Amino acid sequence: MSQNTRKIAVLTGDLVNSTGLGPEKVERAFRALEDCAEMQAEWMGGQSLHFTRHRGDGWQVALMEPKYALRSALCFRAALRALGEEFDSYIGMAEGETEGEIGPDLNAETVSVFIKSGEALEDLKTTPEVSMCYIDPGIYDALTISLDYISNKWTPSQAQAIIHTLSPGNDLIFTEIAEKLGKSRQAVSKSLRAAGLAHIELILETIDRDVRFNA
């Protein structure tokens, strides 16, 4: 790998049932996704995810820290589900190399990792039971399927709570999350347990420690 080449992860998404949502709700969804992308820039050392909208109800981001791909996908799902149970997105993920700077409009990017991420998204359309896919021949696609199963029934209350737990190195306690949400600690604790937080944390912590990303 040359000095100008780096590994990235690319997430490509499509809103679920955008026609049924209608224009106003679609715009609400994209505002939530864009705000979520801006928040995640902190995970990447301040580097933008270059959130890009395409094909009306599609979107794409590039992560400078590929180990956070599944964490990022969960965060985007939580941001949407916090708006209401009718909000969700298919998300295809891929990891690969890119050279030089990434431009602000990802629609102009043509390297393999962007294409593979889009292909992962298209594969999802033929597998209605699954909403998230990671182009990987082994463990990461399996982990993605597990996280998709855990998260695909999040209620708005669960999503509103769990989004505060997904930042890398997060050390917020339930009381602090409750204060942010204006809810009781007991209500937040119940929501996080029902959202599968314990299992999600174990999966994400395992990925964070993986030698593939820390060599």
N, C-alpha and C. Protein backbone atom coordinates (compact mmCIF):
# COMPACT_ATOMS: atom_id res chain seq x y z
N MET A 1 0.85 -1.19 0.00
CA MET A 1 0.00 0.00 0.00
C MET A 1 0.89 1.24 0.00
N SER A 2 0.66 2.16 -0.94
CA SER A 2 1.46 3.37 -1.02
C SER A 2 1.07 4.34 0.08
N GLN A 3 1.91 5.37 0.25
CA GLN A 3 1.64 6.35 1.31
C GLN A 3 0.32 7.09 1.09
N ASN A 4 -0.10 7.20 -0.18
CA ASN A 4 -1.34 7.92 -0.48
C ASN A 4 -2.57 7.01 -0.48
N THR A 5 -2.34 5.71 -0.22
CA THR A 5 -3.44 4.75 -0.23
C THR A 5 -3.86 4.43 1.21
N ARG A 6 -5.14 4.35 1.43
CA ARG A 6 -5.63 4.03 2.76
C ARG A 6 -6.87 3.17 2.66
N LYS A 7 -7.12 2.41 3.73
CA LYS A 7 -8.33 1.61 3.80
C LYS A 7 -9.47 2.46 4.35
N ILE A 8 -10.63 2.29 3.76
CA ILE A 8 -11.83 2.97 4.23
C ILE A 8 -12.98 1.97 4.21
N ALA A 9 -14.07 2.34 4.82
CA ALA A 9 -15.33 1.60 4.68
C ALA A 9 -16.35 2.54 4.05
N VAL A 10 -17.19 1.98 3.22
CA VAL A 10 -18.25 2.76 2.57
C VAL A 10 -19.59 2.13 2.91
N LEU A 11 -20.52 2.96 3.34
CA LEU A 11 -21.90 2.54 3.60
C LEU A 11 -22.79 3.18 2.54
N THR A 12 -23.60 2.35 1.90
CA THR A 12 -24.56 2.83 0.91
C THR A 12 -25.95 2.42 1.35
N GLY A 13 -26.86 3.38 1.42
CA GLY A 13 -28.19 3.09 1.94
C GLY A 13 -29.31 3.55 1.02
N ASP A 14 -30.47 2.95 1.23
CA ASP A 14 -31.73 3.36 0.60
C ASP A 14 -32.79 3.37 1.68
N LEU A 15 -33.58 4.42 1.76
CA LEU A 15 -34.68 4.45 2.71
C LEU A 15 -35.67 3.35 2.38
N VAL A 16 -36.18 2.72 3.41
CA VAL A 16 -37.20 1.68 3.24
C VAL A 16 -38.56 2.35 3.01
N ASN A 17 -39.25 1.94 1.95
CA ASN A 17 -40.60 2.42 1.66
C ASN A 17 -40.68 3.95 1.60
N SER A 18 -39.76 4.56 0.86
CA SER A 18 -39.74 6.02 0.78
C SER A 18 -41.01 6.57 0.14
N THR A 19 -41.58 5.83 -0.80
CA THR A 19 -42.84 6.28 -1.43
C THR A 19 -43.95 6.36 -0.41
N GLY A 20 -44.03 5.35 0.46
CA GLY A 20 -45.06 5.35 1.49
C GLY A 20 -44.84 6.43 2.53
N LEU A 21 -43.58 6.79 2.77
CA LEU A 21 -43.30 7.85 3.75
C LEU A 21 -43.81 9.21 3.28
N GLY A 22 -43.66 9.48 2.01
CA GLY A 22 -44.04 10.78 1.48
C GLY A 22 -42.90 11.78 1.58
N PRO A 23 -42.95 12.87 0.81
CA PRO A 23 -41.83 13.82 0.73
C PRO A 23 -41.43 14.43 2.06
N GLU A 24 -42.39 14.82 2.90
CA GLU A 24 -42.06 15.49 4.16
C GLU A 24 -41.26 14.56 5.09
N LYS A 25 -41.71 13.33 5.23
CA LYS A 25 -41.01 12.39 6.10
C LYS A 25 -39.65 11.98 5.51
N VAL A 26 -39.57 11.90 4.20
CA VAL A 26 -38.28 11.60 3.57
C VAL A 26 -37.27 12.69 3.91
N GLU A 27 -37.70 13.95 3.86
CA GLU A 27 -36.78 15.03 4.20
C GLU A 27 -36.39 14.98 5.67
N ARG A 28 -37.31 14.63 6.55
CA ARG A 28 -36.97 14.45 7.97
C ARG A 28 -35.93 13.36 8.14
N ALA A 29 -36.10 12.26 7.39
CA ALA A 29 -35.16 11.15 7.47
C ALA A 29 -33.77 11.59 7.04
N PHE A 30 -33.67 12.35 5.96
CA PHE A 30 -32.36 12.77 5.48
C PHE A 30 -31.69 13.78 6.41
N ARG A 31 -32.48 14.61 7.05
CA ARG A 31 -31.89 15.51 8.05
C ARG A 31 -31.30 14.71 9.20
N ALA A 32 -32.02 13.68 9.63
CA ALA A 32 -31.52 12.83 10.72
C ALA A 32 -30.25 12.10 10.32
N LEU A 33 -30.22 11.59 9.11
CA LEU A 33 -29.03 10.88 8.61
C LEU A 33 -27.83 11.82 8.51
N GLU A 34 -28.06 13.01 7.99
CA GLU A 34 -26.96 13.96 7.84
C GLU A 34 -26.44 14.41 9.21
N ASP A 35 -27.33 14.66 10.15
CA ASP A 35 -26.90 15.03 11.51
C ASP A 35 -26.09 13.90 12.14
N CYS A 36 -26.52 12.66 11.90
CA CYS A 36 -25.81 11.51 12.44
C CYS A 36 -24.42 11.40 11.84
N ALA A 37 -24.30 11.67 10.54
CA ALA A 37 -22.99 11.63 9.89
C ALA A 37 -22.05 12.69 10.47
N GLU A 38 -22.59 13.87 10.74
CA GLU A 38 -21.77 14.93 11.32
C GLU A 38 -21.29 14.55 12.72
N MET A 39 -22.15 13.91 13.48
CA MET A 39 -21.76 13.45 14.81
C MET A 39 -20.65 12.40 14.73
N GLN A 40 -20.75 11.51 13.76
CA GLN A 40 -19.78 10.43 13.65
C GLN A 40 -18.40 10.92 13.20
N ALA A 41 -18.30 12.11 12.67
CA ALA A 41 -16.99 12.65 12.28
C ALA A 41 -16.03 12.66 13.47
N GLU A 42 -16.57 12.80 14.69
CA GLU A 42 -15.74 12.76 15.88
C GLU A 42 -15.05 11.41 16.03
N TRP A 43 -15.71 10.33 15.58
CA TRP A 43 -15.11 9.00 15.67
C TRP A 43 -13.91 8.87 14.74
N MET A 44 -13.91 9.69 13.67
CA MET A 44 -12.89 9.59 12.63
C MET A 44 -11.81 10.64 12.80
N GLY A 45 -11.65 11.14 14.02
CA GLY A 45 -10.65 12.16 14.26
C GLY A 45 -10.99 13.49 13.62
N GLY A 46 -12.28 13.77 13.47
CA GLY A 46 -12.73 15.02 12.89
C GLY A 46 -12.85 14.99 11.38
N GLN A 47 -12.61 13.85 10.75
CA GLN A 47 -12.69 13.77 9.29
C GLN A 47 -14.13 13.50 8.84
N SER A 48 -14.58 14.27 7.88
CA SER A 48 -15.95 14.19 7.40
C SER A 48 -16.25 12.83 6.80
N LEU A 49 -17.52 12.40 6.93
CA LEU A 49 -17.98 11.19 6.26
C LEU A 49 -18.47 11.49 4.85
N HIS A 50 -18.49 12.77 4.46
CA HIS A 50 -18.91 13.20 3.12
C HIS A 50 -20.32 12.66 2.79
N PHE A 51 -21.23 12.85 3.73
CA PHE A 51 -22.59 12.37 3.51
C PHE A 51 -23.13 12.90 2.18
N THR A 52 -23.58 11.97 1.33
CA THR A 52 -24.04 12.32 -0.01
C THR A 52 -25.38 11.65 -0.28
N ARG A 53 -26.30 12.42 -0.78
CA ARG A 53 -27.60 11.89 -1.18
C ARG A 53 -27.57 11.58 -2.67
N HIS A 54 -28.21 10.46 -3.04
CA HIS A 54 -28.26 10.15 -4.47
C HIS A 54 -29.53 9.37 -4.79
N ARG A 55 -29.95 9.43 -6.02
CA ARG A 55 -31.13 8.73 -6.53
C ARG A 55 -32.38 8.99 -5.70
N GLY A 56 -32.51 10.17 -5.15
CA GLY A 56 -33.74 10.54 -4.45
C GLY A 56 -33.82 10.02 -3.04
N ASP A 57 -33.84 8.68 -2.86
CA ASP A 57 -33.97 8.13 -1.52
C ASP A 57 -32.73 7.37 -1.09
N GLY A 58 -31.61 7.54 -1.82
CA GLY A 58 -30.37 6.85 -1.50
C GLY A 58 -29.36 7.77 -0.84
N TRP A 59 -28.39 7.16 -0.15
CA TRP A 59 -27.36 7.96 0.53
C TRP A 59 -26.08 7.13 0.65
N GLN A 60 -24.98 7.82 0.90
CA GLN A 60 -23.69 7.14 1.00
C GLN A 60 -22.74 7.94 1.88
N VAL A 61 -21.90 7.20 2.64
CA VAL A 61 -20.87 7.84 3.45
C VAL A 61 -19.58 7.03 3.32
N ALA A 62 -18.46 7.70 3.59
CA ALA A 62 -17.15 7.05 3.60
C ALA A 62 -16.54 7.22 4.98
N LEU A 63 -16.11 6.11 5.58
CA LEU A 63 -15.55 6.12 6.93
C LEU A 63 -14.03 5.98 6.86
N MET A 64 -13.32 6.93 7.45
CA MET A 64 -11.87 6.86 7.49
C MET A 64 -11.36 5.82 8.49
N GLU A 65 -12.24 5.34 9.35
CA GLU A 65 -11.91 4.28 10.31
C GLU A 65 -12.82 3.08 10.00
N PRO A 66 -12.38 2.16 9.15
CA PRO A 66 -13.27 1.08 8.71
C PRO A 66 -13.74 0.15 9.81
N LYS A 67 -13.03 0.09 10.94
CA LYS A 67 -13.47 -0.78 12.03
C LYS A 67 -14.79 -0.32 12.63
N TYR A 68 -15.20 0.91 12.32
CA TYR A 68 -16.45 1.44 12.88
C TYR A 68 -17.64 1.25 11.94
N ALA A 69 -17.50 0.45 10.89
CA ALA A 69 -18.57 0.33 9.91
C ALA A 69 -19.88 -0.17 10.52
N LEU A 70 -19.82 -1.24 11.30
CA LEU A 70 -21.05 -1.78 11.88
C LEU A 70 -21.61 -0.85 12.95
N ARG A 71 -20.73 -0.26 13.72
CA ARG A 71 -21.15 0.74 14.72
C ARG A 71 -21.87 1.90 14.02
N SER A 72 -21.31 2.34 12.90
CA SER A 72 -21.89 3.43 12.13
C SER A 72 -23.27 3.06 11.60
N ALA A 73 -23.38 1.86 11.04
CA ALA A 73 -24.66 1.42 10.48
C ALA A 73 -25.74 1.39 11.56
N LEU A 74 -25.39 0.89 12.74
CA LEU A 74 -26.36 0.88 13.84
C LEU A 74 -26.77 2.29 14.23
N CYS A 75 -25.81 3.19 14.22
CA CYS A 75 -26.09 4.57 14.59
C CYS A 75 -27.05 5.22 13.60
N PHE A 76 -26.83 4.98 12.31
CA PHE A 76 -27.75 5.52 11.29
C PHE A 76 -29.14 4.92 11.46
N ARG A 77 -29.21 3.62 11.74
CA ARG A 77 -30.52 3.00 11.94
C ARG A 77 -31.21 3.61 13.16
N ALA A 78 -30.46 3.80 14.24
CA ALA A 78 -31.04 4.39 15.45
C ALA A 78 -31.55 5.79 15.19
N ALA A 79 -30.79 6.58 14.43
CA ALA A 79 -31.20 7.95 14.12
C ALA A 79 -32.53 7.97 13.37
N LEU A 80 -32.72 6.99 12.50
CA LEU A 80 -33.98 6.92 11.76
C LEU A 80 -35.11 6.39 12.62
N ARG A 81 -34.88 5.29 13.32
CA ARG A 81 -35.95 4.68 14.11
C ARG A 81 -36.40 5.59 15.25
N ALA A 82 -35.52 6.49 15.69
CA ALA A 82 -35.91 7.45 16.72
C ALA A 82 -37.02 8.37 16.24
N LEU A 83 -37.16 8.51 14.92
CA LEU A 83 -38.22 9.35 14.35
C LEU A 83 -39.57 8.66 14.35
N GLY A 84 -39.57 7.33 14.36
CA GLY A 84 -40.81 6.56 14.28
C GLY A 84 -40.53 5.19 13.71
N GLU A 85 -41.39 4.22 14.00
CA GLU A 85 -41.14 2.85 13.57
C GLU A 85 -41.21 2.68 12.06
N GLU A 86 -41.81 3.65 11.35
CA GLU A 86 -41.90 3.54 9.90
C GLU A 86 -40.62 3.96 9.20
N PHE A 87 -39.65 4.47 9.95
CA PHE A 87 -38.39 4.95 9.36
C PHE A 87 -37.32 3.88 9.46
N ASP A 88 -36.67 3.58 8.34
CA ASP A 88 -35.56 2.62 8.34
C ASP A 88 -34.82 2.75 7.02
N SER A 89 -33.69 2.07 6.93
CA SER A 89 -32.89 2.11 5.71
C SER A 89 -32.22 0.77 5.49
N TYR A 90 -32.17 0.34 4.24
CA TYR A 90 -31.26 -0.73 3.86
C TYR A 90 -29.85 -0.14 3.90
N ILE A 91 -28.86 -0.95 4.31
CA ILE A 91 -27.49 -0.46 4.36
C ILE A 91 -26.54 -1.54 3.88
N GLY A 92 -25.83 -1.26 2.79
CA GLY A 92 -24.79 -2.15 2.28
C GLY A 92 -23.42 -1.59 2.64
N MET A 93 -22.53 -2.46 3.11
CA MET A 93 -21.21 -2.02 3.57
C MET A 93 -20.10 -2.76 2.85
N ALA A 94 -18.98 -2.07 2.61
CA ALA A 94 -17.80 -2.68 2.02
C ALA A 94 -16.56 -1.99 2.56
N GLU A 95 -15.47 -2.72 2.58
CA GLU A 95 -14.17 -2.19 3.00
C GLU A 95 -13.20 -2.33 1.84
N GLY A 96 -12.35 -1.32 1.62
CA GLY A 96 -11.39 -1.40 0.54
C GLY A 96 -10.44 -0.23 0.56
N GLU A 97 -9.62 -0.15 -0.45
CA GLU A 97 -8.60 0.89 -0.51
C GLU A 97 -9.01 2.02 -1.44
N THR A 98 -8.56 3.20 -1.09
CA THR A 98 -8.73 4.37 -1.95
C THR A 98 -7.44 5.16 -1.92
N GLU A 99 -7.20 5.92 -2.95
CA GLU A 99 -5.95 6.67 -3.05
C GLU A 99 -6.26 8.16 -3.16
N GLY A 100 -5.51 8.96 -2.42
CA GLY A 100 -5.70 10.40 -2.46
C GLY A 100 -6.90 10.84 -1.65
N GLU A 101 -7.26 12.09 -1.83
CA GLU A 101 -8.37 12.67 -1.07
C GLU A 101 -9.72 12.25 -1.65
N ILE A 102 -10.68 12.11 -0.76
CA ILE A 102 -12.05 11.82 -1.17
C ILE A 102 -12.79 13.14 -1.29
N GLY A 103 -13.47 13.34 -2.40
CA GLY A 103 -14.17 14.59 -2.63
C GLY A 103 -15.46 14.68 -1.84
N PRO A 104 -16.05 15.86 -1.76
CA PRO A 104 -17.26 16.05 -0.97
C PRO A 104 -18.49 15.37 -1.55
N ASP A 105 -18.49 15.10 -2.87
CA ASP A 105 -19.63 14.46 -3.52
C ASP A 105 -19.26 13.01 -3.85
N LEU A 106 -19.75 12.07 -3.06
CA LEU A 106 -19.39 10.67 -3.27
C LEU A 106 -19.98 10.09 -4.54
N ASN A 107 -20.94 10.78 -5.14
CA ASN A 107 -21.46 10.32 -6.43
C ASN A 107 -20.38 10.29 -7.50
N ALA A 108 -19.31 11.07 -7.29
CA ALA A 108 -18.23 11.13 -8.27
C ALA A 108 -17.16 10.07 -8.04
N GLU A 109 -17.25 9.31 -6.94
CA GLU A 109 -16.23 8.31 -6.62
C GLU A 109 -16.50 7.01 -7.39
N THR A 110 -15.44 6.44 -7.98
CA THR A 110 -15.60 5.26 -8.83
C THR A 110 -14.70 4.09 -8.44
N VAL A 111 -13.92 4.22 -7.35
CA VAL A 111 -13.04 3.12 -6.98
C VAL A 111 -13.86 1.94 -6.46
N SER A 112 -13.24 0.79 -6.41
CA SER A 112 -13.94 -0.48 -6.18
C SER A 112 -14.77 -0.50 -4.91
N VAL A 113 -14.27 0.08 -3.82
CA VAL A 113 -14.98 -0.03 -2.55
C VAL A 113 -16.36 0.63 -2.62
N PHE A 114 -16.48 1.71 -3.37
CA PHE A 114 -17.78 2.37 -3.52
C PHE A 114 -18.74 1.51 -4.34
N ILE A 115 -18.20 0.87 -5.37
CA ILE A 115 -19.03 -0.01 -6.21
C ILE A 115 -19.49 -1.22 -5.41
N LYS A 116 -18.58 -1.82 -4.63
CA LYS A 116 -18.93 -3.01 -3.84
C LYS A 116 -20.00 -2.69 -2.80
N SER A 117 -19.90 -1.52 -2.19
CA SER A 117 -20.90 -1.13 -1.22
C SER A 117 -22.27 -1.02 -1.88
N GLY A 118 -22.31 -0.45 -3.06
CA GLY A 118 -23.57 -0.37 -3.79
C GLY A 118 -24.11 -1.73 -4.18
N GLU A 119 -23.20 -2.64 -4.54
CA GLU A 119 -23.61 -4.01 -4.88
C GLU A 119 -24.18 -4.72 -3.65
N ALA A 120 -23.58 -4.47 -2.49
CA ALA A 120 -24.10 -5.06 -1.25
C ALA A 120 -25.53 -4.59 -1.01
N LEU A 121 -25.77 -3.31 -1.26
CA LEU A 121 -27.12 -2.76 -1.09
C LEU A 121 -28.10 -3.45 -2.05
N GLU A 122 -27.71 -3.62 -3.29
CA GLU A 122 -28.60 -4.25 -4.27
C GLU A 122 -28.88 -5.70 -3.90
N ASP A 123 -27.89 -6.40 -3.33
CA ASP A 123 -28.11 -7.78 -2.89
C ASP A 123 -29.20 -7.85 -1.83
N LEU A 124 -29.27 -6.82 -1.00
CA LEU A 124 -30.28 -6.81 0.07
C LEU A 124 -31.70 -6.84 -0.50
N LYS A 125 -31.88 -6.26 -1.67
CA LYS A 125 -33.22 -6.17 -2.25
C LYS A 125 -33.76 -7.56 -2.61
N THR A 126 -32.86 -8.55 -2.73
CA THR A 126 -33.29 -9.92 -3.04
C THR A 126 -33.40 -10.78 -1.78
N THR A 127 -33.12 -10.18 -0.61
CA THR A 127 -33.19 -10.92 0.67
C THR A 127 -34.04 -10.11 1.63
N PRO A 128 -35.35 -10.20 1.54
CA PRO A 128 -36.23 -9.31 2.31
C PRO A 128 -36.12 -9.47 3.83
N GLU A 129 -35.56 -10.60 4.30
CA GLU A 129 -35.44 -10.80 5.75
C GLU A 129 -34.32 -9.99 6.37
N VAL A 130 -33.42 -9.44 5.53
CA VAL A 130 -32.22 -8.77 6.03
C VAL A 130 -32.19 -7.34 5.51
N SER A 131 -31.80 -6.39 6.38
CA SER A 131 -31.74 -4.98 5.99
C SER A 131 -30.32 -4.43 5.93
N MET A 132 -29.34 -5.19 6.47
CA MET A 132 -27.95 -4.73 6.45
C MET A 132 -27.06 -5.86 5.95
N CYS A 133 -26.06 -5.52 5.14
CA CYS A 133 -25.17 -6.51 4.55
C CYS A 133 -23.75 -5.95 4.51
N TYR A 134 -22.77 -6.80 4.86
CA TYR A 134 -21.35 -6.42 4.81
C TYR A 134 -20.67 -7.34 3.81
N ILE A 135 -20.09 -6.76 2.76
CA ILE A 135 -19.38 -7.56 1.76
C ILE A 135 -18.11 -8.10 2.39
N ASP A 136 -18.17 -9.32 2.89
CA ASP A 136 -17.04 -9.95 3.57
C ASP A 136 -17.27 -11.44 3.49
N PRO A 137 -16.23 -12.22 3.18
CA PRO A 137 -16.44 -13.66 3.01
C PRO A 137 -16.61 -14.42 4.32
N GLY A 138 -16.46 -13.73 5.46
CA GLY A 138 -16.47 -14.47 6.71
C GLY A 138 -17.25 -13.81 7.82
N ILE A 139 -16.55 -13.53 8.90
CA ILE A 139 -17.19 -13.20 10.17
C ILE A 139 -17.96 -11.89 10.14
N TYR A 140 -17.52 -10.90 9.36
CA TYR A 140 -18.17 -9.59 9.45
C TYR A 140 -19.57 -9.59 8.87
N ASP A 141 -19.81 -10.37 7.84
CA ASP A 141 -21.17 -10.46 7.33
C ASP A 141 -22.05 -11.18 8.34
N ALA A 142 -21.50 -12.21 9.02
CA ALA A 142 -22.27 -12.90 10.05
C ALA A 142 -22.62 -11.97 11.20
N LEU A 143 -21.66 -11.15 11.63
CA LEU A 143 -21.92 -10.20 12.70
C LEU A 143 -22.95 -9.16 12.27
N THR A 144 -22.88 -8.76 11.01
CA THR A 144 -23.86 -7.79 10.49
C THR A 144 -25.27 -8.36 10.55
N ILE A 145 -25.41 -9.61 10.16
CA ILE A 145 -26.73 -10.25 10.20
C ILE A 145 -27.23 -10.31 11.64
N SER A 146 -26.34 -10.63 12.59
CA SER A 146 -26.72 -10.68 14.00
C SER A 146 -27.18 -9.31 14.49
N LEU A 147 -26.41 -8.27 14.17
CA LEU A 147 -26.78 -6.93 14.61
C LEU A 147 -28.05 -6.44 13.94
N ASP A 148 -28.24 -6.82 12.68
CA ASP A 148 -29.47 -6.46 11.99
C ASP A 148 -30.67 -7.08 12.69
N TYR A 149 -30.55 -8.33 13.08
CA TYR A 149 -31.65 -9.02 13.76
C TYR A 149 -31.96 -8.35 15.10
N ILE A 150 -30.91 -7.99 15.85
CA ILE A 150 -31.11 -7.36 17.15
C ILE A 150 -31.80 -6.00 17.02
N SER A 151 -31.41 -5.25 15.98
CA SER A 151 -31.83 -3.85 15.90
C SER A 151 -33.08 -3.60 15.06
N ASN A 152 -33.52 -4.59 14.28
CA ASN A 152 -34.58 -4.27 13.30
C ASN A 152 -35.96 -4.10 13.92
N LYS A 153 -36.10 -4.35 15.22
CA LYS A 153 -37.39 -4.14 15.88
C LYS A 153 -37.31 -3.02 16.92
N TRP A 154 -36.26 -2.20 16.86
CA TRP A 154 -36.16 -1.09 17.81
C TRP A 154 -37.39 -0.20 17.74
N THR A 155 -37.93 0.14 18.89
CA THR A 155 -38.97 1.15 18.97
C THR A 155 -38.31 2.53 18.98
N PRO A 156 -39.07 3.59 18.76
CA PRO A 156 -38.48 4.93 18.85
C PRO A 156 -37.81 5.18 20.20
N SER A 157 -38.43 4.76 21.30
CA SER A 157 -37.83 4.98 22.62
C SER A 157 -36.51 4.23 22.76
N GLN A 158 -36.46 3.02 22.28
CA GLN A 158 -35.22 2.24 22.34
C GLN A 158 -34.14 2.88 21.49
N ALA A 159 -34.50 3.33 20.29
CA ALA A 159 -33.52 3.97 19.40
C ALA A 159 -33.01 5.28 19.99
N GLN A 160 -33.90 6.06 20.58
CA GLN A 160 -33.50 7.33 21.19
C GLN A 160 -32.51 7.12 22.32
N ALA A 161 -32.66 6.02 23.04
CA ALA A 161 -31.75 5.73 24.14
C ALA A 161 -30.44 5.14 23.65
N ILE A 162 -30.51 4.19 22.73
CA ILE A 162 -29.30 3.45 22.37
C ILE A 162 -28.33 4.28 21.54
N ILE A 163 -28.82 5.29 20.84
CA ILE A 163 -27.91 6.11 20.04
C ILE A 163 -26.87 6.79 20.91
N HIS A 164 -27.19 7.00 22.18
CA HIS A 164 -26.25 7.63 23.11
C HIS A 164 -25.17 6.67 23.61
N THR A 165 -25.30 5.39 23.27
CA THR A 165 -24.33 4.39 23.74
C THR A 165 -23.37 3.93 22.65
N LEU A 166 -23.54 4.41 21.42
CA LEU A 166 -22.83 3.82 20.29
C LEU A 166 -21.49 4.46 19.95
N SER A 167 -21.18 5.61 20.52
CA SER A 167 -19.89 6.24 20.24
C SER A 167 -18.75 5.38 20.79
N PRO A 168 -17.65 5.24 20.05
CA PRO A 168 -16.52 4.45 20.56
C PRO A 168 -16.02 5.02 21.88
N GLY A 169 -15.75 4.15 22.83
CA GLY A 169 -15.26 4.60 24.13
C GLY A 169 -16.30 5.29 24.97
N ASN A 170 -17.57 5.16 24.57
CA ASN A 170 -18.65 5.82 25.31
C ASN A 170 -18.66 5.38 26.77
N ASP A 171 -18.75 6.35 27.67
CA ASP A 171 -18.79 6.02 29.10
C ASP A 171 -19.97 6.67 29.80
N LEU A 172 -21.00 7.03 29.01
CA LEU A 172 -22.19 7.60 29.62
C LEU A 172 -22.89 6.54 30.48
N ILE A 173 -23.32 6.91 31.65
CA ILE A 173 -24.10 6.01 32.48
C ILE A 173 -25.58 6.26 32.23
N PHE A 174 -26.41 5.31 32.65
CA PHE A 174 -27.83 5.39 32.35
C PHE A 174 -28.46 6.68 32.89
N THR A 175 -27.98 7.15 34.03
CA THR A 175 -28.54 8.37 34.61
C THR A 175 -28.30 9.56 33.69
N GLU A 176 -27.11 9.63 33.09
CA GLU A 176 -26.79 10.73 32.18
C GLU A 176 -27.63 10.67 30.92
N ILE A 177 -27.83 9.47 30.40
CA ILE A 177 -28.68 9.32 29.22
C ILE A 177 -30.11 9.73 29.55
N ALA A 178 -30.58 9.34 30.72
CA ALA A 178 -31.93 9.71 31.15
C ALA A 178 -32.09 11.22 31.22
N GLU A 179 -31.07 11.91 31.73
CA GLU A 179 -31.12 13.37 31.81
C GLU A 179 -31.19 14.00 30.42
N LYS A 180 -30.41 13.44 29.47
CA LYS A 180 -30.43 13.97 28.11
C LYS A 180 -31.80 13.81 27.46
N LEU A 181 -32.47 12.71 27.79
CA LEU A 181 -33.75 12.40 27.16
C LEU A 181 -34.94 12.92 27.95
N GLY A 182 -34.68 13.41 29.16
CA GLY A 182 -35.78 13.87 30.00
C GLY A 182 -36.67 12.73 30.46
N LYS A 183 -36.06 11.57 30.72
CA LYS A 183 -36.81 10.40 31.16
C LYS A 183 -36.22 9.88 32.46
N SER A 184 -36.92 8.94 33.08
CA SER A 184 -36.40 8.34 34.31
C SER A 184 -35.30 7.34 33.97
N ARG A 185 -34.41 7.13 34.95
CA ARG A 185 -33.36 6.15 34.76
C ARG A 185 -33.95 4.76 34.52
N GLN A 186 -35.02 4.44 35.21
CA GLN A 186 -35.65 3.13 35.06
C GLN A 186 -36.18 2.93 33.65
N ALA A 187 -36.79 3.99 33.08
CA ALA A 187 -37.32 3.88 31.72
C ALA A 187 -36.21 3.67 30.71
N VAL A 188 -35.10 4.40 30.88
CA VAL A 188 -33.97 4.27 29.96
C VAL A 188 -33.34 2.88 30.09
N SER A 189 -33.17 2.43 31.32
CA SER A 189 -32.59 1.11 31.56
C SER A 189 -33.44 0.02 30.89
N LYS A 190 -34.74 0.14 31.02
CA LYS A 190 -35.66 -0.83 30.41
C LYS A 190 -35.54 -0.80 28.88
N SER A 191 -35.48 0.41 28.31
CA SER A 191 -35.37 0.54 26.86
C SER A 191 -34.08 -0.07 26.33
N LEU A 192 -32.96 0.18 27.03
CA LEU A 192 -31.67 -0.33 26.58
C LEU A 192 -31.58 -1.84 26.69
N ARG A 193 -32.14 -2.40 27.74
CA ARG A 193 -32.16 -3.86 27.85
C ARG A 193 -32.97 -4.47 26.71
N ALA A 194 -34.16 -3.88 26.44
CA ALA A 194 -35.01 -4.40 25.38
C ALA A 194 -34.39 -4.21 24.00
N ALA A 195 -33.55 -3.20 23.84
CA ALA A 195 -32.87 -2.94 22.57
C ALA A 195 -31.70 -3.86 22.31
N GLY A 196 -31.34 -4.68 23.32
CA GLY A 196 -30.23 -5.62 23.13
C GLY A 196 -28.87 -5.01 23.37
N LEU A 197 -28.77 -3.99 24.22
CA LEU A 197 -27.51 -3.28 24.40
C LEU A 197 -26.37 -4.20 24.82
N ALA A 198 -26.61 -5.12 25.74
CA ALA A 198 -25.53 -5.97 26.24
C ALA A 198 -24.89 -6.77 25.12
N HIS A 199 -25.71 -7.36 24.25
CA HIS A 199 -25.17 -8.15 23.14
C HIS A 199 -24.50 -7.26 22.09
N ILE A 200 -25.09 -6.09 21.84
CA ILE A 200 -24.50 -5.16 20.87
C ILE A 200 -23.12 -4.72 21.33
N GLU A 201 -22.99 -4.39 22.60
CA GLU A 201 -21.69 -3.95 23.11
C GLU A 201 -20.65 -5.04 22.99
N LEU A 202 -21.01 -6.28 23.28
CA LEU A 202 -20.05 -7.38 23.17
C LEU A 202 -19.58 -7.55 21.72
N ILE A 203 -20.49 -7.46 20.77
CA ILE A 203 -20.13 -7.61 19.36
C ILE A 203 -19.22 -6.46 18.92
N LEU A 204 -19.59 -5.22 19.24
CA LEU A 204 -18.81 -4.07 18.80
C LEU A 204 -17.44 -4.03 19.46
N GLU A 205 -17.35 -4.39 20.72
CA GLU A 205 -16.06 -4.41 21.41
C GLU A 205 -15.14 -5.47 20.81
N THR A 206 -15.70 -6.59 20.38
CA THR A 206 -14.90 -7.63 19.72
C THR A 206 -14.32 -7.10 18.41
N ILE A 207 -15.13 -6.39 17.64
CA ILE A 207 -14.65 -5.82 16.38
C ILE A 207 -13.57 -4.78 16.64
N ASP A 208 -13.78 -3.92 17.64
CA ASP A 208 -12.80 -2.87 17.95
C ASP A 208 -11.43 -3.45 18.28
N ARG A 209 -11.40 -4.65 18.85
CA ARG A 209 -10.13 -5.27 19.24
C ARG A 209 -9.50 -6.11 18.13
N ASP A 210 -10.19 -6.29 17.02
CA ASP A 210 -9.74 -7.20 15.96
C ASP A 210 -8.39 -6.77 15.39
N VAL A 211 -7.47 -7.71 15.28
CA VAL A 211 -6.12 -7.39 14.77
C VAL A 211 -6.19 -6.93 13.32
N ARG A 212 -7.22 -7.31 12.60
CA ARG A 212 -7.36 -6.85 11.21
C ARG A 212 -7.37 -5.33 11.12
N PHE A 213 -7.92 -4.68 12.14
CA PHE A 213 -8.03 -3.22 12.12
C PHE A 213 -6.96 -2.53 12.98
N ASN A 214 -6.21 -3.32 13.74
CA ASN A 214 -5.26 -2.72 14.68
C ASN A 214 -3.82 -3.15 14.44
N ALA A 215 -3.55 -3.75 13.27
CA ALA A 215 -2.19 -4.20 12.95
C ALA A 215 -1.28 -3.02 12.73
